[in-house]
Amino acid sequence: MGSIYTIRKAVPDDAAGVAKVHVDSWRTTYREIVNDEFLASLSYEK
């Protein structure tokens, strides 16, 4: 049975998806730990 996942190096076209995962993970994980202003300042575009 084959794997449904493919592991590969990231390419520039992956940047938007990686940024979304990164920012959303920080906002979820560090809510009530890190200052709300800081979490709100995180951006998908930066």
Protein backbone atom coordinates (compact mmCIF):
# COMPACT_ATOMS: atom_id res chain seq x y z
CA MET A 1 0.00 0.00 0.00
CA GLY A 2 1.46 3.38 -1.04
CA SER A 3 1.75 6.47 1.06
CA ILE A 4 -0.72 9.31 0.53
CA TYR A 5 1.95 11.85 1.52
CA THR A 6 4.87 13.17 -0.45
CA ILE A 7 7.77 14.73 1.43
CA ARG A 8 9.82 17.25 -0.51
CA LYS A 9 11.85 20.38 0.02
CA ALA A 10 9.82 23.57 0.17
CA VAL A 11 9.85 25.84 -2.87
CA PRO A 12 9.07 29.56 -3.11
CA ASP A 13 5.47 28.83 -4.14
CA ASP A 14 4.96 27.18 -0.72
CA ALA A 15 5.70 30.40 1.19
CA ALA A 16 2.08 31.51 1.66
CA GLY A 17 1.01 28.15 3.06
CA VAL A 18 4.04 27.89 5.35
CA ALA A 19 3.41 31.44 6.62
CA LYS A 20 -0.23 30.64 7.39
CA VAL A 21 0.69 27.52 9.36
CA HIS A 22 3.42 29.42 11.23
CA VAL A 23 1.25 32.43 12.19
CA ASP A 24 -1.84 30.39 13.05
CA SER A 25 0.26 28.00 15.16
CA TRP A 26 1.77 30.88 17.13
CA ARG A 27 -1.62 32.50 17.68
CA THR A 28 -3.14 29.24 18.91
CA THR A 29 -0.22 27.94 20.96
CA TYR A 30 0.81 31.16 22.68
CA ARG A 31 -2.64 32.68 23.33
CA GLU A 32 -2.76 33.78 26.99
CA ILE A 33 1.04 33.35 27.24
CA VAL A 34 2.32 36.02 24.85
CA ASN A 35 1.01 39.59 24.65
CA ASP A 36 -2.13 39.80 22.47
CA GLU A 37 -0.72 42.83 20.62
CA PHE A 38 2.30 40.82 19.55
CA LEU A 39 0.19 37.93 18.30
CA ALA A 40 -2.06 40.35 16.41
CA SER A 41 1.01 41.90 14.79
CA LEU A 42 2.03 38.60 13.19
CA SER A 43 1.40 38.68 9.48
CA TYR A 44 1.16 36.15 6.68
CA GLU A 45 2.85 38.67 4.39
CA LYS A 46 5.98 39.44 6.44
